[in-house]
Amino acid sequence: MASPARLDDVGVSRFHFALVPRSGGLLVEDLSSNGTFVNGARLPNKSPVPLKPGDLIEIPGYKIEMSWAAGEPESAVPDPAVSMAAGKLPVPPAFQAFLVSFTFWELLLIAAILGSLILIAVYLSW
């Protein structure tokens, strides 16, 4: 079921993330290609992560603070850090917003130019 709240921004997907009620708490699941962040850490794609009251969900152009009346004690909802992908550094939302301001073809052109410059630098260093 889609949300009645429509969030329009360049980097927001049609189905960006889902909130799923579970055992007195909520899970958040990233459904996008642009990423969803909770408290500054990027969520693993399509892997639900528990939320706690006060957590901050960030998507391009929006910050959503979570608040709800839990049916069970907060201790029954696992800590989101336990479910996060280990060893990966999150992309800062400001940099992500900068990247999504480009089209796919512009990013491809930038990558081709940077790759060419690296090849020229390597060739000249021999």
C-alpha atoms as a PDB file:
ATOM      1  CA  MET A   1       0.000   0.000   0.000  1.00  0.00           C
ATOM      2  CA  ALA A   2       1.397   3.398  -0.990  1.00  0.00           C
ATOM      3  CA  SER A   3       1.657   6.244   1.460  1.00  0.00           C
ATOM      4  CA  PRO A   4      -0.836   9.092   1.175  1.00  0.00           C
ATOM      5  CA  ALA A   5       2.086  11.497   1.754  1.00  0.00           C
ATOM      6  CA  ARG A   6       3.698  12.334  -1.592  1.00  0.00           C
ATOM      7  CA  LEU A   7       7.304  13.522  -1.324  1.00  0.00           C
ATOM      8  CA  ASP A   8       8.545  15.189  -4.504  1.00  0.00           C
ATOM      9  CA  ASP A   9      12.257  15.812  -4.992  1.00  0.00           C
ATOM     10  CA  VAL A  10      14.839  15.021  -7.655  1.00  0.00           C
ATOM     11  CA  GLY A  11      16.334  12.087  -5.715  1.00  0.00           C
ATOM     12  CA  VAL A  12      13.117  10.648  -4.261  1.00  0.00           C
ATOM     13  CA  SER A  13      11.971   7.378  -5.839  1.00  0.00           C
ATOM     14  CA  ARG A  14       8.295   6.602  -6.403  1.00  0.00           C
ATOM     15  CA  PHE A  15       8.596   3.872  -3.736  1.00  0.00           C
ATOM     16  CA  HIS A  16      11.588   5.132  -1.732  1.00  0.00           C
ATOM     17  CA  PHE A  17      11.194   3.305   1.579  1.00  0.00           C
ATOM     18  CA  ALA A  18       8.624   1.281   3.495  1.00  0.00           C
ATOM     19  CA  LEU A  19       7.619   1.380   7.167  1.00  0.00           C
ATOM     20  CA  VAL A  20       6.546  -2.021   8.479  1.00  0.00           C
ATOM     21  CA  PRO A  21       4.959  -2.497  11.950  1.00  0.00           C
ATOM     22  CA  ARG A  22       6.578  -5.390  13.887  1.00  0.00           C
ATOM     23  CA  SER A  23       6.286  -6.490  17.545  1.00  0.00           C
ATOM     24  CA  GLY A  24       5.387  -3.130  19.043  1.00  0.00           C
ATOM     25  CA  GLY A  25       7.874  -1.214  16.905  1.00  0.00           C
ATOM     26  CA  LEU A  26       8.582  -0.245  13.338  1.00  0.00           C
ATOM     27  CA  LEU A  27      10.997  -1.470  10.682  1.00  0.00           C
ATOM     28  CA  VAL A  28      12.206   0.687   7.806  1.00  0.00           C
ATOM     29  CA  GLU A  29      13.196  -0.841   4.471  1.00  0.00           C
ATOM     30  CA  ASP A  30      15.056   0.998   1.696  1.00  0.00           C
ATOM     31  CA  LEU A  31      13.389   0.343  -1.673  1.00  0.00           C
ATOM     32  CA  SER A  32      15.277   2.969  -3.657  1.00  0.00           C
ATOM     33  CA  SER A  33      18.424   3.230  -5.721  1.00  0.00           C
ATOM     34  CA  ASN A  34      19.292   6.614  -4.194  1.00  0.00           C
ATOM     35  CA  GLY A  35      19.455   5.364  -0.604  1.00  0.00           C
ATOM     36  CA  THR A  36      17.687   5.919   2.681  1.00  0.00           C
ATOM     37  CA  PHE A  37      19.586   6.991   5.803  1.00  0.00           C
ATOM     38  CA  VAL A  38      18.700   6.446   9.463  1.00  0.00           C
ATOM     39  CA  ASN A  39      20.580   8.655  11.913  1.00  0.00           C
ATOM     40  CA  GLY A  40      23.190   9.349   9.205  1.00  0.00           C
ATOM     41  CA  ALA A  41      23.913   5.693   8.313  1.00  0.00           C
ATOM     42  CA  ARG A  42      22.838   4.342   4.928  1.00  0.00           C
ATOM     43  CA  LEU A  43      20.424   1.407   5.097  1.00  0.00           C
ATOM     44  CA  PRO A  44      21.252  -1.793   3.252  1.00  0.00           C
ATOM     45  CA  ASN A  45      18.910  -2.071   0.240  1.00  0.00           C
ATOM     46  CA  LYS A  46      15.795  -4.223   0.798  1.00  0.00           C
ATOM     47  CA  SER A  47      16.912  -5.307   4.301  1.00  0.00           C
ATOM     48  CA  PRO A  48      14.456  -4.079   6.981  1.00  0.00           C
ATOM     49  CA  VAL A  49      16.039  -2.334   9.962  1.00  0.00           C
ATOM     50  CA  PRO A  50      14.281  -1.616  13.295  1.00  0.00           C
ATOM     51  CA  LEU A  51      13.461   1.981  14.219  1.00  0.00           C
ATOM     52  CA  LYS A  52      13.277   3.592  17.647  1.00  0.00           C
ATOM     53  CA  PRO A  53      11.277   6.669  18.634  1.00  0.00           C
ATOM     54  CA  GLY A  54      13.401   9.703  17.853  1.00  0.00           C
ATOM     55  CA  ASP A  55      15.280   8.098  14.912  1.00  0.00           C
ATOM     56  CA  LEU A  56      15.790  10.400  11.933  1.00  0.00           C
ATOM     57  CA  ILE A  57      15.079   9.052   8.430  1.00  0.00           C
ATOM     58  CA  GLU A  58      16.779  11.031   5.666  1.00  0.00           C
ATOM     59  CA  ILE A  59      16.016  10.843   1.958  1.00  0.00           C
ATOM     60  CA  PRO A  60      17.006  13.446  -0.671  1.00  0.00           C
ATOM     61  CA  GLY A  61      15.370  16.733   0.326  1.00  0.00           C
ATOM     62  CA  TYR A  62      13.645  15.422   3.490  1.00  0.00           C
ATOM     63  CA  LYS A  63      14.371  14.638   7.148  1.00  0.00           C
ATOM     64  CA  ILE A  64      11.644  12.670   8.935  1.00  0.00           C
ATOM     65  CA  GLU A  65      11.797  12.275  12.732  1.00  0.00           C
ATOM     66  CA  MET A  66      10.047   9.107  13.903  1.00  0.00           C
ATOM     67  CA  SER A  67       7.650   9.257  16.839  1.00  0.00           C
ATOM     68  CA  TRP A  68       4.992   6.744  17.895  1.00  0.00           C
ATOM     69  CA  ALA A  69       3.343   5.155  20.902  1.00  0.00           C
ATOM     70  CA  ALA A  70       4.908   1.710  21.180  1.00  0.00           C
ATOM     71  CA  GLY A  71       2.696  -1.212  22.187  1.00  0.00           C
ATOM     72  CA  GLU A  72       5.607  -2.980  23.890  1.00  0.00           C
ATOM     73  CA  PRO A  73       8.580  -1.770  25.897  1.00  0.00           C
ATOM     74  CA  GLU A  74      11.299  -0.134  23.808  1.00  0.00           C
ATOM     75  CA  SER A  75      13.681  -2.921  24.858  1.00  0.00           C
ATOM     76  CA  ALA A  76      11.607  -5.355  22.722  1.00  0.00           C
ATOM     77  CA  VAL A  77      12.659  -3.493  19.537  1.00  0.00           C
ATOM     78  CA  PRO A  78      16.253  -4.396  18.538  1.00  0.00           C
ATOM     79  CA  ASP A  79      18.846  -1.651  18.138  1.00  0.00           C
ATOM     80  CA  PRO A  80      19.108  -0.567  14.444  1.00  0.00           C
ATOM     81  CA  ALA A  81      22.924  -0.617  14.623  1.00  0.00           C
ATOM     82  CA  VAL A  82      22.849  -4.416  15.034  1.00  0.00           C
ATOM     83  CA  SER A  83      21.160  -4.894  11.651  1.00  0.00           C
ATOM     84  CA  MET A  84      23.238  -2.347   9.735  1.00  0.00           C
ATOM     85  CA  ALA A  85      25.740  -3.534   7.123  1.00  0.00           C
ATOM     86  CA  ALA A  86      29.126  -3.623   8.852  1.00  0.00           C
ATOM     87  CA  GLY A  87      32.263  -2.135   7.359  1.00  0.00           C
ATOM     88  CA  LYS A  88      30.574   0.272   4.944  1.00  0.00           C
ATOM     89  CA  LEU A  89      30.835   4.026   5.349  1.00  0.00           C
ATOM     90  CA  PRO A  90      27.598   5.936   4.717  1.00  0.00           C
ATOM     91  CA  VAL A  91      27.516   8.505   1.916  1.00  0.00           C
ATOM     92  CA  PRO A  92      26.789  11.912   3.470  1.00  0.00           C
ATOM     93  CA  PRO A  93      23.294  13.112   2.473  1.00  0.00           C
ATOM     94  CA  ALA A  94      24.708  16.431   1.154  1.00  0.00           C
ATOM     95  CA  PHE A  95      27.039  14.579  -1.256  1.00  0.00           C
ATOM     96  CA  GLN A  96      24.224  12.235  -2.245  1.00  0.00           C
ATOM     97  CA  ALA A  97      21.977  15.224  -3.001  1.00  0.00           C
ATOM     98  CA  PHE A  98      24.798  16.664  -5.148  1.00  0.00           C
ATOM     99  CA  LEU A  99      25.132  13.393  -7.079  1.00  0.00           C
ATOM    100  CA  VAL A 100      21.406  13.014  -7.745  1.00  0.00           C
ATOM    101  CA  SER A 101      21.358  16.518  -9.268  1.00  0.00           C
ATOM    102  CA  PHE A 102      23.070  14.987 -12.344  1.00  0.00           C
ATOM    103  CA  THR A 103      21.387  12.787 -14.933  1.00  0.00           C
ATOM    104  CA  PHE A 104      22.702   9.284 -15.626  1.00  0.00           C
ATOM    105  CA  TRP A 105      24.319  10.471 -18.872  1.00  0.00           C
ATOM    106  CA  GLU A 106      26.040  13.421 -17.180  1.00  0.00           C
ATOM    107  CA  LEU A 107      27.494  11.083 -14.531  1.00  0.00           C
ATOM    108  CA  LEU A 108      28.631   8.674 -17.256  1.00  0.00           C
ATOM    109  CA  LEU A 109      30.358  11.530 -19.112  1.00  0.00           C
ATOM    110  CA  ILE A 110      32.065  12.730 -15.910  1.00  0.00           C
ATOM    111  CA  ALA A 111      33.263   9.176 -15.177  1.00  0.00           C
ATOM    112  CA  ALA A 112      34.605   8.819 -18.744  1.00  0.00           C
ATOM    113  CA  ILE A 113      36.494  12.120 -18.498  1.00  0.00           C
ATOM    114  CA  LEU A 114      37.979  11.235 -15.095  1.00  0.00           C
ATOM    115  CA  GLY A 115      38.955   7.779 -16.360  1.00  0.00           C
ATOM    116  CA  SER A 116      40.640   9.325 -19.409  1.00  0.00           C
ATOM    117  CA  LEU A 117      42.561  11.791 -17.229  1.00  0.00           C
ATOM    118  CA  ILE A 118      43.763   8.952 -14.988  1.00  0.00           C
ATOM    119  CA  LEU A 119      44.922   6.943 -18.014  1.00  0.00           C
ATOM    120  CA  ILE A 120      46.783   9.979 -19.405  1.00  0.00           C
ATOM    121  CA  ALA A 121      48.445  10.612 -16.029  1.00  0.00           C
ATOM    122  CA  VAL A 122      49.532   6.950 -15.772  1.00  0.00           C
ATOM    123  CA  TYR A 123      50.824   6.976 -19.358  1.00  0.00           C
ATOM    124  CA  LEU A 124      52.822  10.176 -18.792  1.00  0.00           C
ATOM    125  CA  SER A 125      54.326   8.874 -15.553  1.00  0.00           C
ATOM    126  CA  TRP A 126      56.024   5.941 -17.373  1.00  0.00           C
END
